[in-house]
Amino acid sequence: MIIQITAPGAYVCDDANGPEVGHKYRLEASEGGSSEQGRAFHALLQEYWKSGTSSYPAKSFEEFKNQIKKALGAGFESYLYIDMIEGMPILKEVTLFSDIPEHVRKDKDRANYIRGRLLSWSDYTKRQRTETIDRLIAEMIQAGVQSIKFNEILEGMQ
């Protein structure tokens, strides 16, 4: 059931019956990612990690999750880099990689000067979450994840 709030205490419902008096409902903005997507993503990640079939060189689950978000997710929300200004190293932050000065980007040792800050899962849009989950499932299938839990997650998403 989808409800649109039209004014304080007023709403329009897509279901002819509407919400039932006396029942409690959990309300989420439909534009953002849903809590169901969050639970599905993290359950899939856990299953992929436990399967041991991924080729990501992660030493911990948290590192694995970040590598998945980097490879399959929305990527970075910003970039940090160090630039030398008047002989002093200065830490700067930009939104786009292309906003980093060319002399820093083109430096052969740029990995020492540039770091991306991954977008938090809670800041993903509904579309970004859907696309990331779809890519994760496709990769898990390709990697050969075959477990009862994986199949249960997929069935629950249908």
Protein backbone atom coordinates (compact mmCIF):
# COMPACT_ATOMS: atom_id res chain seq x y z
CA MET A 1 0.00 0.00 0.00
CA ILE A 2 1.31 3.45 -0.91
CA ILE A 3 0.13 6.49 0.98
CA GLN A 4 0.81 10.09 -0.01
CA ILE A 5 0.57 12.68 2.74
CA THR A 6 -1.40 15.64 1.35
CA ALA A 7 -1.64 17.82 4.48
CA PRO A 8 -1.17 17.40 8.24
CA GLY A 9 -3.41 14.48 9.20
CA ALA A 10 -4.61 13.98 5.60
CA TYR A 11 -3.53 11.41 3.02
CA VAL A 12 -4.45 9.69 -0.22
CA CYS A 13 -4.08 5.90 -0.44
CA ASP A 14 -3.62 3.72 -3.53
CA ASP A 15 -5.52 0.88 -1.81
CA ALA A 16 -9.32 1.20 -1.69
CA ASN A 17 -9.37 -0.17 1.87
CA GLY A 18 -6.62 2.12 3.17
CA PRO A 19 -4.83 1.63 6.46
CA GLU A 20 -6.84 -0.05 9.21
CA VAL A 21 -7.71 1.85 12.36
CA GLY A 22 -5.73 0.60 15.36
CA HIS A 23 -2.87 -0.88 13.31
CA LYS A 24 0.65 0.54 13.35
CA TYR A 25 2.50 1.11 10.07
CA ARG A 26 6.16 1.84 9.43
CA LEU A 27 6.40 4.85 7.14
CA GLU A 28 9.35 5.33 4.78
CA ALA A 29 9.87 7.96 2.10
CA SER A 30 9.43 6.20 -1.25
CA GLU A 31 12.19 8.24 -2.93
CA GLY A 32 14.97 6.93 -0.69
CA GLY A 33 16.20 3.40 -0.40
CA SER A 34 14.03 1.13 1.70
CA SER A 35 15.02 -0.74 4.83
CA GLU A 36 14.16 -3.97 2.94
CA GLN A 37 16.84 -3.10 0.38
CA GLY A 38 19.32 -2.52 3.19
CA ARG A 39 18.54 -5.86 4.80
CA ALA A 40 18.75 -7.66 1.44
CA PHE A 41 22.08 -6.02 0.54
CA HIS A 42 23.69 -6.87 3.86
CA ALA A 43 22.31 -10.43 3.85
CA LEU A 44 23.68 -10.94 0.33
CA LEU A 45 27.06 -9.51 1.38
CA GLN A 46 27.23 -11.84 4.38
CA GLU A 47 26.41 -14.85 2.23
CA TYR A 48 28.95 -13.87 -0.42
CA TRP A 49 31.63 -13.36 2.25
CA LYS A 50 30.86 -16.70 3.90
CA SER A 51 30.90 -18.54 0.57
CA GLY A 52 34.58 -17.77 -0.01
CA THR A 53 33.94 -17.58 -3.76
CA SER A 54 34.75 -13.90 -4.27
CA SER A 55 38.07 -12.75 -5.68
CA TYR A 56 38.26 -9.58 -3.57
CA PRO A 57 41.44 -9.51 -1.43
CA ALA A 58 39.63 -8.49 1.76
CA LYS A 59 40.92 -9.41 5.21
CA SER A 60 37.70 -8.51 7.03
CA PHE A 61 34.00 -8.30 6.30
CA GLU A 62 34.08 -4.49 6.57
CA GLU A 63 36.88 -4.30 4.02
CA PHE A 64 34.96 -6.72 1.78
CA LYS A 65 31.82 -4.58 2.01
CA ASN A 66 33.80 -1.46 1.03
CA GLN A 67 35.38 -3.25 -1.93
CA ILE A 68 31.92 -4.35 -3.12
CA LYS A 69 30.57 -0.81 -2.75
CA LYS A 70 33.56 0.50 -4.71
CA ALA A 71 33.34 -2.11 -7.50
CA LEU A 72 29.56 -2.59 -7.78
CA GLY A 73 28.04 0.35 -5.93
CA ALA A 74 27.62 4.09 -6.41
CA GLY A 75 31.30 4.75 -5.77
CA PHE A 76 32.78 7.76 -4.06
CA GLU A 77 30.99 10.75 -2.57
CA SER A 78 34.19 12.81 -2.49
CA TYR A 79 37.95 12.66 -2.91
CA LEU A 80 40.71 13.74 -0.55
CA TYR A 81 44.11 14.69 -1.85
CA ILE A 82 47.27 16.39 -0.66
CA ASP A 83 48.68 19.28 -2.62
CA MET A 84 51.89 21.12 -1.91
CA ILE A 85 51.20 24.83 -1.46
CA GLU A 86 54.18 27.06 -0.72
CA GLY A 87 56.14 24.01 0.32
CA MET A 88 53.49 22.83 2.81
CA PRO A 89 51.31 19.71 2.35
CA ILE A 90 47.66 20.77 2.41
CA LEU A 91 44.76 18.29 2.62
CA LYS A 92 41.87 19.19 0.31
CA GLU A 93 38.49 17.63 -0.52
CA VAL A 94 36.55 17.75 -3.80
CA THR A 95 33.38 16.11 -5.05
CA LEU A 96 34.60 15.04 -8.49
CA PHE A 97 37.84 13.30 -9.38
CA SER A 98 38.22 15.76 -12.26
CA ASP A 99 38.28 18.63 -9.72
CA ILE A 100 41.63 17.41 -8.43
CA PRO A 101 44.36 19.56 -10.03
CA GLU A 102 45.91 17.90 -13.05
CA HIS A 103 49.44 18.04 -11.60
CA VAL A 104 48.23 15.88 -8.70
CA ARG A 105 46.13 13.52 -10.87
CA LYS A 106 48.94 12.97 -13.36
CA ASP A 107 51.58 12.29 -10.70
CA LYS A 108 52.92 8.73 -11.16
CA ASP A 109 52.63 8.21 -7.39
CA ARG A 110 49.10 9.60 -7.15
CA ALA A 111 47.95 6.66 -5.05
CA ASN A 112 50.00 8.24 -2.28
CA TYR A 113 48.12 11.54 -2.58
CA ILE A 114 44.50 10.72 -3.49
CA ARG A 115 41.84 8.82 -1.56
CA GLY A 116 38.17 8.40 -2.30
CA ARG A 117 35.49 8.56 0.40
CA LEU A 118 32.86 5.92 -0.34
CA LEU A 119 29.24 6.92 -0.36
CA SER A 120 27.51 5.49 2.71
CA TRP A 121 24.82 2.87 2.01
CA SER A 122 22.36 5.02 3.97
CA ASP A 123 22.91 7.84 1.43
CA TYR A 124 22.24 5.66 -1.65
CA THR A 125 19.07 6.47 -3.55
CA LYS A 126 16.51 3.74 -4.16
CA ARG A 127 17.76 3.41 -7.75
CA GLN A 128 21.41 3.17 -6.66
CA ARG A 129 20.47 0.48 -4.14
CA THR A 130 18.51 -1.50 -6.73
CA GLU A 131 21.34 -1.32 -9.27
CA THR A 132 23.95 -2.31 -6.69
CA ILE A 133 21.89 -5.27 -5.46
CA ASP A 134 21.29 -6.41 -9.05
CA ARG A 135 25.02 -6.26 -9.84
CA LEU A 136 25.86 -8.05 -6.58
CA ILE A 137 23.42 -10.89 -7.33
CA ALA A 138 24.76 -11.24 -10.88
CA GLU A 139 28.34 -11.41 -9.59
CA MET A 140 27.40 -13.93 -6.88
CA ILE A 141 25.77 -16.18 -9.47
CA GLN A 142 28.80 -15.87 -11.74
CA ALA A 143 31.12 -16.64 -8.80
CA GLY A 144 29.16 -19.81 -8.13
CA VAL A 145 27.49 -19.00 -4.82
CA GLN A 146 25.10 -21.90 -4.24
CA SER A 147 23.71 -22.01 -0.76
CA ILE A 148 20.30 -22.50 0.77
CA LYS A 149 20.48 -19.04 2.37
CA PHE A 150 21.37 -17.37 -0.96
CA ASN A 151 18.35 -19.03 -2.61
CA GLU A 152 16.12 -18.01 0.33
CA ILE A 153 17.24 -14.38 -0.04
CA LEU A 154 16.51 -14.44 -3.77
CA GLU A 155 13.08 -16.01 -3.20
CA GLY A 156 12.27 -13.42 -0.52
CA MET A 157 13.09 -10.62 -2.94
CA GLN A 158 10.59 -11.84 -5.56
